[in-house]
C-alpha atoms as a PDB file:
ATOM      1  CA  GLN A   1      52.316  73.813 332.498  1.00  0.00           C
ATOM      2  CA  VAL A   2      50.321  71.765 329.678  1.00  0.00           C
ATOM      3  CA  HIS A   3      52.579  70.962 326.420  1.00  0.00           C
ATOM      4  CA  LEU A   4      50.545  69.452 323.624  1.00  0.00           C
ATOM      5  CA  VAL A   5      52.389  68.481 320.540  1.00  0.00           C
ATOM      6  CA  GLU A   6      50.101  66.964 317.720  1.00  0.00           C
ATOM      7  CA  SER A   7      51.404  64.418 314.817  1.00  0.00           C
ATOM      8  CA  GLY A   8      50.303  62.353 312.010  1.00  0.00           C
ATOM      9  CA  GLY A   9      48.246  64.942 309.807  1.00  0.00           C
ATOM     10  CA  GLY A  10      48.832  64.785 305.778  1.00  0.00           C
ATOM     11  CA  LEU A  11      47.494  64.253 302.494  1.00  0.00           C
ATOM     12  CA  VAL A  12      44.612  62.076 301.821  1.00  0.00           C
ATOM     13  CA  GLN A  13      42.404  60.747 299.056  1.00  0.00           C
ATOM     14  CA  PRO A  14      38.535  61.234 300.171  1.00  0.00           C
ATOM     15  CA  GLY A  15      37.579  58.024 301.876  1.00  0.00           C
ATOM     16  CA  GLY A  16      41.137  57.411 303.469  1.00  0.00           C
ATOM     17  CA  SER A  17      42.317  57.239 306.742  1.00  0.00           C
ATOM     18  CA  LEU A  18      44.607  58.788 309.119  1.00  0.00           C
ATOM     19  CA  ARG A  19      45.451  58.512 312.578  1.00  0.00           C
ATOM     20  CA  LEU A  20      45.897  61.705 314.917  1.00  0.00           C
ATOM     21  CA  SER A  21      48.687  61.871 318.105  1.00  0.00           C
ATOM     22  CA  CYS A  22      48.893  64.197 320.138  1.00  0.00           C
ATOM     23  CA  VAL A  23      51.972  63.834 322.876  1.00  0.00           C
ATOM     24  CA  VAL A  24      50.837  65.304 326.451  1.00  0.00           C
ATOM     25  CA  SER A  25      52.752  66.431 328.908  1.00  0.00           C
ATOM     26  CA  GLY A  26      52.371  68.830 332.030  1.00  0.00           C
ATOM     27  CA  VAL A  27      49.279  66.673 332.993  1.00  0.00           C
ATOM     28  CA  ILE A  28      48.387  63.124 333.284  1.00  0.00           C
ATOM     29  CA  VAL A  29      45.652  62.052 330.697  1.00  0.00           C
ATOM     30  CA  ARG A  30      44.231  59.480 332.893  1.00  0.00           C
ATOM     31  CA  GLY A  31      41.666  61.258 334.484  1.00  0.00           C
ATOM     32  CA  GLN A  32      41.727  64.361 332.766  1.00  0.00           C
ATOM     33  CA  ALA A  33      38.752  65.677 330.261  1.00  0.00           C
ATOM     34  CA  MET A  34      40.311  66.022 326.770  1.00  0.00           C
ATOM     35  CA  VAL A  35      39.276  67.677 323.263  1.00  0.00           C
ATOM     36  CA  TRP A  36      39.787  67.538 319.553  1.00  0.00           C
ATOM     37  CA  TYR A  37      39.404  70.705 317.725  1.00  0.00           C
ATOM     38  CA  ARG A  38      39.726  71.837 313.997  1.00  0.00           C
ATOM     39  CA  GLN A  39      40.025  74.840 312.007  1.00  0.00           C
ATOM     40  CA  ALA A  40      39.603  74.733 308.293  1.00  0.00           C
ATOM     41  CA  PRO A  41      40.998  78.044 306.432  1.00  0.00           C
ATOM     42  CA  GLY A  42      38.822  80.865 306.703  1.00  0.00           C
ATOM     43  CA  LYS A  43      36.374  79.397 309.648  1.00  0.00           C
ATOM     44  CA  GLN A  44      36.257  79.321 313.335  1.00  0.00           C
ATOM     45  CA  ARG A  45      37.922  76.706 315.376  1.00  0.00           C
ATOM     46  CA  GLU A  46      35.690  73.766 315.793  1.00  0.00           C
ATOM     47  CA  LEU A  47      35.042  71.242 318.540  1.00  0.00           C
ATOM     48  CA  VAL A  48      35.239  67.679 316.693  1.00  0.00           C
ATOM     49  CA  ALA A  49      35.317  65.508 319.798  1.00  0.00           C
ATOM     50  CA  SER A  50      35.684  65.296 323.565  1.00  0.00           C
ATOM     51  CA  MET A  51      36.178  62.517 325.841  1.00  0.00           C
ATOM     52  CA  THR A  52      35.305  63.104 329.327  1.00  0.00           C
ATOM     53  CA  SER A  53      37.839  62.381 332.464  1.00  0.00           C
ATOM     54  CA  GLY A  54      36.737  58.864 332.532  1.00  0.00           C
ATOM     55  CA  THR A  55      36.350  57.103 328.791  1.00  0.00           C
ATOM     56  CA  ASP A  56      32.936  58.489 327.552  1.00  0.00           C
ATOM     57  CA  THR A  57      33.491  60.153 324.598  1.00  0.00           C
ATOM     58  CA  TYR A  58      31.324  62.977 322.340  1.00  0.00           C
ATOM     59  CA  TYR A  59      31.492  63.449 318.831  1.00  0.00           C
ATOM     60  CA  TYR A  60      30.577  66.201 316.306  1.00  0.00           C
ATOM     61  CA  ASP A  61      27.507  65.415 314.101  1.00  0.00           C
ATOM     62  CA  LEU A  62      29.419  65.326 311.042  1.00  0.00           C
ATOM     63  CA  VAL A  63      32.419  62.963 311.795  1.00  0.00           C
ATOM     64  CA  LYS A  64      30.052  60.669 314.204  1.00  0.00           C
ATOM     65  CA  GLY A  65      31.074  57.093 312.804  1.00  0.00           C
ATOM     66  CA  ARG A  66      33.954  58.372 310.931  1.00  0.00           C
ATOM     67  CA  PHE A  67      36.291  59.553 313.790  1.00  0.00           C
ATOM     68  CA  THR A  68      37.419  57.290 317.290  1.00  0.00           C
ATOM     69  CA  PHE A  69      38.941  59.000 320.016  1.00  0.00           C
ATOM     70  CA  TYR A  70      41.114  57.046 322.638  1.00  0.00           C
ATOM     71  CA  ARG A  71      43.700  57.359 324.859  1.00  0.00           C
ATOM     72  CA  ASP A  72      46.732  55.757 325.579  1.00  0.00           C
ATOM     73  CA  ASN A  73      47.701  56.314 329.714  1.00  0.00           C
ATOM     74  CA  ALA A  74      50.460  54.087 329.404  1.00  0.00           C
ATOM     75  CA  LYS A  75      52.237  56.538 326.605  1.00  0.00           C
ATOM     76  CA  ASN A  76      50.331  59.748 327.891  1.00  0.00           C
ATOM     77  CA  MET A  77      48.955  60.683 324.614  1.00  0.00           C
ATOM     78  CA  VAL A  78      45.659  60.910 322.999  1.00  0.00           C
ATOM     79  CA  TYR A  79      44.327  59.834 319.272  1.00  0.00           C
ATOM     80  CA  LEU A  80      42.134  60.856 316.847  1.00  0.00           C
ATOM     81  CA  GLN A  81      41.136  58.084 314.221  1.00  0.00           C
ATOM     82  CA  MET A  82      39.584  59.092 311.368  1.00  0.00           C
ATOM     83  CA  ASN A  83      38.145  57.042 308.579  1.00  0.00           C
ATOM     84  CA  ASP A  84      36.774  57.619 305.082  1.00  0.00           C
ATOM     85  CA  LEU A  85      37.956  61.185 305.293  1.00  0.00           C
ATOM     86  CA  LYS A  86      36.222  63.793 303.405  1.00  0.00           C
ATOM     87  CA  PRO A  87      37.386  67.203 301.490  1.00  0.00           C
ATOM     88  CA  GLU A  88      35.397  69.201 304.388  1.00  0.00           C
ATOM     89  CA  ASP A  89      37.887  67.299 307.113  1.00  0.00           C
ATOM     90  CA  THR A  90      40.375  69.368 305.395  1.00  0.00           C
ATOM     91  CA  ALA A  91      41.978  71.891 308.746  1.00  0.00           C
ATOM     92  CA  VAL A  92      44.137  71.787 311.202  1.00  0.00           C
ATOM     93  CA  TYR A  93      43.630  69.543 314.046  1.00  0.00           C
ATOM     94  CA  TYR A  94      44.555  70.585 317.512  1.00  0.00           C
ATOM     95  CA  CYS A  95      44.344  68.422 320.261  1.00  0.00           C
ATOM     96  CA  ASN A  96      43.683  70.445 324.097  1.00  0.00           C
ATOM     97  CA  THR A  97      42.840  69.573 327.361  1.00  0.00           C
ATOM     98  CA  PHE A  98      39.371  70.390 329.233  1.00  0.00           C
ATOM     99  CA  PRO A  99      39.336  73.229 330.346  1.00  0.00           C
ATOM    100  CA  ILE A 100      41.619  74.827 327.288  1.00  0.00           C
ATOM    101  CA  SER A 101      44.959  75.206 328.504  1.00  0.00           C
ATOM    102  CA  ALA A 102      47.630  76.428 325.980  1.00  0.00           C
ATOM    103  CA  TRP A 103      47.065  75.017 322.472  1.00  0.00           C
ATOM    104  CA  GLY A 104      49.901  72.931 320.065  1.00  0.00           C
ATOM    105  CA  GLN A 105      50.926  73.981 316.762  1.00  0.00           C
ATOM    106  CA  GLY A 106      48.388  71.451 315.588  1.00  0.00           C
ATOM    107  CA  THR A 107      48.744  68.811 312.545  1.00  0.00           C
ATOM    108  CA  GLN A 108      47.318  69.628 308.869  1.00  0.00           C
ATOM    109  CA  VAL A 109      45.264  66.976 307.492  1.00  0.00           C
ATOM    110  CA  THR A 110      44.069  68.064 303.439  1.00  0.00           C
ATOM    111  CA  VAL A 111      41.840  65.541 301.537  1.00  0.00           C
ATOM    112  CA  SER A 112      41.743  65.839 298.261  1.00  0.00           C
ATOM    113  CA  SER A 113      41.603  63.951 295.105  1.00  0.00           C
END
């Protein structure tokens, strides 16, 4: 059974940075496709970034060039480095496997001055 725990969110000013972490249990991240989603208030959950079972990564156009998705196989964790944050990045962020398994609680990111 897959279990995901996200952390690292918080309040940051526009232009700031955060690194989100996701502890993964129940599956080995090495060789597992993974994704990051986010959900803003009143909006549907949307895909932010994905990583194939290899190391190829893909990013939603609005975050391309600002966000970096990477994993640590030794720690069985994945990360989302977010730079140059904008108010429109405010949302709850979730990691997951692909295909999607059970959702974690997410981590809140608020970008505001």
